[in-house]
Amino acid sequence: MRIHQILDHKGSAVVTVEPDRTVHEAMQVLVEHGIGAVVVTRGGTIVGILTERDVLRLGAGDPGSLTTMCVADAMTADLVVGVAEDLLDYAAGIMTANRIRHLPIVEGERLVGVVSIGDVVKAMKQEKEVENRYLRDYIQGAVR
């Protein structure tokens, strides 16, 4: 299974925020949409990602800065991204190796979606369930 199959199922809508917004405004966006990360874009170009973890670290260190600090100063700018044709195992490996929970998916410079580690694990589980069912049916002679 490939990443585009997850996006085909869940949709490719991505919540974004501009880098000059405050971290507090970005927090409100995270809560409003019930998401764990927001992609930071400037003029449609990806410049970073801000995650719940980023916000928690900032808030624990300097809670007052949440209302004054710009997203650009709190985000992760060195992004790890995937492409729609990546295999699930590859995406899971990249996410695990880099200790990230959200993977922006791009086509060239264009953002086409975001998958979470939960999305990837769920899809891998479903894939294995189908494979196991097929193998059980085959062993029992139900498949011709």
C-alpha atoms as a PDB file:
ATOM      1  CA  MET A   1       0.000   0.000   0.000  1.00  0.00           C
ATOM      2  CA  ARG A   2       1.139   3.533  -0.745  1.00  0.00           C
ATOM      3  CA  ILE A   3       0.641   6.874   0.984  1.00  0.00           C
ATOM      4  CA  HIS A   4      -1.691   8.150  -1.737  1.00  0.00           C
ATOM      5  CA  GLN A   5      -4.151   5.413  -0.767  1.00  0.00           C
ATOM      6  CA  ILE A   6      -4.362   6.869   2.750  1.00  0.00           C
ATOM      7  CA  LEU A   7      -4.904  10.340   1.284  1.00  0.00           C
ATOM      8  CA  ASP A   8      -7.535   8.973  -1.121  1.00  0.00           C
ATOM      9  CA  HIS A   9      -9.437   7.638   1.891  1.00  0.00           C
ATOM     10  CA  LYS A  10      -8.992  10.436   4.429  1.00  0.00           C
ATOM     11  CA  GLY A  11      -8.769  13.346   2.023  1.00  0.00           C
ATOM     12  CA  SER A  12      -5.963  15.692   1.184  1.00  0.00           C
ATOM     13  CA  ALA A  13      -7.153  18.830   2.963  1.00  0.00           C
ATOM     14  CA  VAL A  14      -4.349  20.341   5.028  1.00  0.00           C
ATOM     15  CA  VAL A  15      -4.686  22.949   7.739  1.00  0.00           C
ATOM     16  CA  THR A  16      -1.981  25.590   7.388  1.00  0.00           C
ATOM     17  CA  VAL A  17      -0.910  28.704   9.211  1.00  0.00           C
ATOM     18  CA  GLU A  18       1.271  31.646   8.210  1.00  0.00           C
ATOM     19  CA  PRO A  19       4.666  31.991   9.954  1.00  0.00           C
ATOM     20  CA  ASP A  20       3.909  35.497  11.225  1.00  0.00           C
ATOM     21  CA  ARG A  21       0.912  34.347  13.290  1.00  0.00           C
ATOM     22  CA  THR A  22       1.486  33.966  17.027  1.00  0.00           C
ATOM     23  CA  VAL A  23       1.968  30.549  18.571  1.00  0.00           C
ATOM     24  CA  HIS A  24      -1.209  31.157  20.565  1.00  0.00           C
ATOM     25  CA  GLU A  25      -3.167  31.690  17.333  1.00  0.00           C
ATOM     26  CA  ALA A  26      -1.682  28.472  15.954  1.00  0.00           C
ATOM     27  CA  MET A  27      -2.682  26.677  19.172  1.00  0.00           C
ATOM     28  CA  GLN A  28      -6.254  27.822  18.595  1.00  0.00           C
ATOM     29  CA  VAL A  29      -6.111  26.408  15.059  1.00  0.00           C
ATOM     30  CA  LEU A  30      -4.843  23.057  16.406  1.00  0.00           C
ATOM     31  CA  VAL A  31      -7.669  22.887  18.941  1.00  0.00           C
ATOM     32  CA  GLU A  32     -10.345  24.094  16.509  1.00  0.00           C
ATOM     33  CA  HIS A  33      -9.478  21.379  14.004  1.00  0.00           C
ATOM     34  CA  GLY A  34      -8.618  18.655  16.526  1.00  0.00           C
ATOM     35  CA  ILE A  35      -5.194  18.087  14.988  1.00  0.00           C
ATOM     36  CA  GLY A  36      -1.698  17.572  16.362  1.00  0.00           C
ATOM     37  CA  ALA A  37       0.279  19.582  13.829  1.00  0.00           C
ATOM     38  CA  VAL A  38      -0.178  22.466  11.457  1.00  0.00           C
ATOM     39  CA  VAL A  39       1.891  23.001   8.327  1.00  0.00           C
ATOM     40  CA  VAL A  40       3.416  26.461   8.129  1.00  0.00           C
ATOM     41  CA  THR A  41       3.230  28.080   4.705  1.00  0.00           C
ATOM     42  CA  ARG A  42       4.186  31.412   3.231  1.00  0.00           C
ATOM     43  CA  GLY A  43       2.463  32.247  -0.035  1.00  0.00           C
ATOM     44  CA  GLY A  44       1.606  28.591  -0.587  1.00  0.00           C
ATOM     45  CA  THR A  45       5.191  27.401  -0.031  1.00  0.00           C
ATOM     46  CA  ILE A  46       5.921  25.092   2.887  1.00  0.00           C
ATOM     47  CA  VAL A  47       8.333  26.666   5.363  1.00  0.00           C
ATOM     48  CA  GLY A  48       7.859  24.446   8.417  1.00  0.00           C
ATOM     49  CA  ILE A  49       5.591  22.562  10.766  1.00  0.00           C
ATOM     50  CA  LEU A  50       4.346  23.387  14.251  1.00  0.00           C
ATOM     51  CA  THR A  51       3.322  20.473  16.435  1.00  0.00           C
ATOM     52  CA  GLU A  52       1.678  20.086  19.812  1.00  0.00           C
ATOM     53  CA  ARG A  53       5.057  18.992  21.122  1.00  0.00           C
ATOM     54  CA  ASP A  54       6.656  22.252  19.934  1.00  0.00           C
ATOM     55  CA  VAL A  55       3.944  24.241  21.684  1.00  0.00           C
ATOM     56  CA  LEU A  56       4.246  22.250  24.925  1.00  0.00           C
ATOM     57  CA  ARG A  57       7.998  22.735  25.051  1.00  0.00           C
ATOM     58  CA  LEU A  58       7.641  26.457  24.478  1.00  0.00           C
ATOM     59  CA  GLY A  59       4.856  26.763  27.044  1.00  0.00           C
ATOM     60  CA  ALA A  60       6.800  24.810  29.657  1.00  0.00           C
ATOM     61  CA  GLY A  61       9.861  26.993  29.178  1.00  0.00           C
ATOM     62  CA  ASP A  62       8.260  30.417  28.766  1.00  0.00           C
ATOM     63  CA  PRO A  63       4.440  30.386  28.937  1.00  0.00           C
ATOM     64  CA  GLY A  64       4.203  34.145  28.401  1.00  0.00           C
ATOM     65  CA  SER A  65       5.806  33.868  24.979  1.00  0.00           C
ATOM     66  CA  LEU A  66       2.879  31.863  23.569  1.00  0.00           C
ATOM     67  CA  THR A  67       0.942  35.060  22.895  1.00  0.00           C
ATOM     68  CA  THR A  68       3.859  37.053  21.518  1.00  0.00           C
ATOM     69  CA  MET A  69       6.203  34.632  19.753  1.00  0.00           C
ATOM     70  CA  CYS A  70       5.700  34.119  16.030  1.00  0.00           C
ATOM     71  CA  VAL A  71       5.158  30.644  14.658  1.00  0.00           C
ATOM     72  CA  ALA A  72       8.324  31.117  12.574  1.00  0.00           C
ATOM     73  CA  ASP A  73      10.363  31.224  15.785  1.00  0.00           C
ATOM     74  CA  ALA A  74       8.805  28.082  17.271  1.00  0.00           C
ATOM     75  CA  MET A  75       8.271  25.822  14.263  1.00  0.00           C
ATOM     76  CA  THR A  76      10.486  23.083  12.922  1.00  0.00           C
ATOM     77  CA  ALA A  77      11.909  24.433   9.690  1.00  0.00           C
ATOM     78  CA  ASP A  78      14.021  21.414   8.737  1.00  0.00           C
ATOM     79  CA  LEU A  79      11.143  19.324   7.451  1.00  0.00           C
ATOM     80  CA  VAL A  80      11.023  15.649   6.689  1.00  0.00           C
ATOM     81  CA  VAL A  81       8.502  15.070   3.900  1.00  0.00           C
ATOM     82  CA  GLY A  82       7.121  12.139   1.965  1.00  0.00           C
ATOM     83  CA  VAL A  83       5.667  11.645  -1.484  1.00  0.00           C
ATOM     84  CA  ALA A  84       2.361  10.078  -2.412  1.00  0.00           C
ATOM     85  CA  GLU A  85       4.054   7.033  -3.978  1.00  0.00           C
ATOM     86  CA  ASP A  86       5.975   6.131  -0.791  1.00  0.00           C
ATOM     87  CA  LEU A  87       5.200   2.689   0.585  1.00  0.00           C
ATOM     88  CA  LEU A  88       3.681   2.542   4.068  1.00  0.00           C
ATOM     89  CA  ASP A  89       6.658   0.629   5.460  1.00  0.00           C
ATOM     90  CA  TYR A  90       9.018   3.297   4.139  1.00  0.00           C
ATOM     91  CA  ALA A  91       6.926   6.137   5.585  1.00  0.00           C
ATOM     92  CA  ALA A  92       6.684   4.363   8.953  1.00  0.00           C
ATOM     93  CA  GLY A  93      10.451   3.859   8.966  1.00  0.00           C
ATOM     94  CA  ILE A  94      11.136   7.515   8.131  1.00  0.00           C
ATOM     95  CA  MET A  95       8.746   8.684  10.823  1.00  0.00           C
ATOM     96  CA  THR A  96      10.234   6.341  13.418  1.00  0.00           C
ATOM     97  CA  ALA A  97      13.844   7.163  12.551  1.00  0.00           C
ATOM     98  CA  ASN A  98      13.154  10.898  12.768  1.00  0.00           C
ATOM     99  CA  ARG A  99      10.845  10.616  15.789  1.00  0.00           C
ATOM    100  CA  ILE A 100       8.039  12.504  14.079  1.00  0.00           C
ATOM    101  CA  ARG A 101       4.302  11.931  14.202  1.00  0.00           C
ATOM    102  CA  HIS A 102       3.226  13.953  11.168  1.00  0.00           C
ATOM    103  CA  LEU A 103       4.556  13.660   7.642  1.00  0.00           C
ATOM    104  CA  PRO A 104       3.709  16.331   5.075  1.00  0.00           C
ATOM    105  CA  ILE A 105       3.228  14.783   1.643  1.00  0.00           C
ATOM    106  CA  VAL A 106       4.434  16.780  -1.347  1.00  0.00           C
ATOM    107  CA  GLU A 107       4.452  16.605  -5.113  1.00  0.00           C
ATOM    108  CA  GLY A 108       7.402  18.731  -6.140  1.00  0.00           C
ATOM    109  CA  GLU A 109       6.934  21.931  -4.124  1.00  0.00           C
ATOM    110  CA  ARG A 110       3.166  21.458  -3.716  1.00  0.00           C
ATOM    111  CA  LEU A 111       1.676  20.212  -0.436  1.00  0.00           C
ATOM    112  CA  VAL A 112      -0.838  17.449  -1.213  1.00  0.00           C
ATOM    113  CA  GLY A 113      -1.614  16.135   2.267  1.00  0.00           C
ATOM    114  CA  VAL A 114      -0.395  15.148   5.708  1.00  0.00           C
ATOM    115  CA  VAL A 115      -0.381  11.691   7.248  1.00  0.00           C
ATOM    116  CA  SER A 116       0.026  10.925  10.917  1.00  0.00           C
ATOM    117  CA  ILE A 117       1.744   7.905  12.368  1.00  0.00           C
ATOM    118  CA  GLY A 118      -1.751   6.801  13.408  1.00  0.00           C
ATOM    119  CA  ASP A 119      -2.913   6.929   9.783  1.00  0.00           C
ATOM    120  CA  VAL A 120       0.070   4.839   8.701  1.00  0.00           C
ATOM    121  CA  VAL A 121      -0.310   2.252  11.475  1.00  0.00           C
ATOM    122  CA  LYS A 122      -4.063   1.936  10.836  1.00  0.00           C
ATOM    123  CA  ALA A 123      -3.488   1.388   7.105  1.00  0.00           C
ATOM    124  CA  MET A 124      -0.726  -1.159   7.780  1.00  0.00           C
ATOM    125  CA  LYS A 125      -3.024  -3.012  10.196  1.00  0.00           C
ATOM    126  CA  GLN A 126      -5.835  -3.125   7.637  1.00  0.00           C
ATOM    127  CA  GLU A 127      -3.409  -4.347   4.979  1.00  0.00           C
ATOM    128  CA  LYS A 128      -2.212  -7.177   7.237  1.00  0.00           C
ATOM    129  CA  GLU A 129      -5.775  -8.141   8.160  1.00  0.00           C
ATOM    130  CA  VAL A 130      -6.691  -8.509   4.487  1.00  0.00           C
ATOM    131  CA  GLU A 131      -3.536 -10.512   3.816  1.00  0.00           C
ATOM    132  CA  ASN A 132      -4.179 -12.781   6.808  1.00  0.00           C
ATOM    133  CA  ARG A 133      -7.783 -13.346   5.739  1.00  0.00           C
ATOM    134  CA  TYR A 134      -6.671 -14.258   2.228  1.00  0.00           C
ATOM    135  CA  LEU A 135      -4.043 -16.684   3.545  1.00  0.00           C
ATOM    136  CA  ARG A 136      -6.527 -18.329   5.958  1.00  0.00           C
ATOM    137  CA  ASP A 137      -9.032 -18.756   3.143  1.00  0.00           C
ATOM    138  CA  TYR A 138      -6.318 -20.157   0.890  1.00  0.00           C
ATOM    139  CA  ILE A 139      -5.164 -22.673   3.507  1.00  0.00           C
ATOM    140  CA  GLN A 140      -8.737 -23.739   4.157  1.00  0.00           C
ATOM    141  CA  GLY A 141      -9.326 -24.164   0.422  1.00  0.00           C
ATOM    142  CA  ALA A 142     -11.877 -21.361   0.137  1.00  0.00           C
ATOM    143  CA  VAL A 143      -9.878 -19.488  -2.528  1.00  0.00           C
ATOM    144  CA  ARG A 144      -9.773 -20.832  -6.059  1.00  0.00           C
END
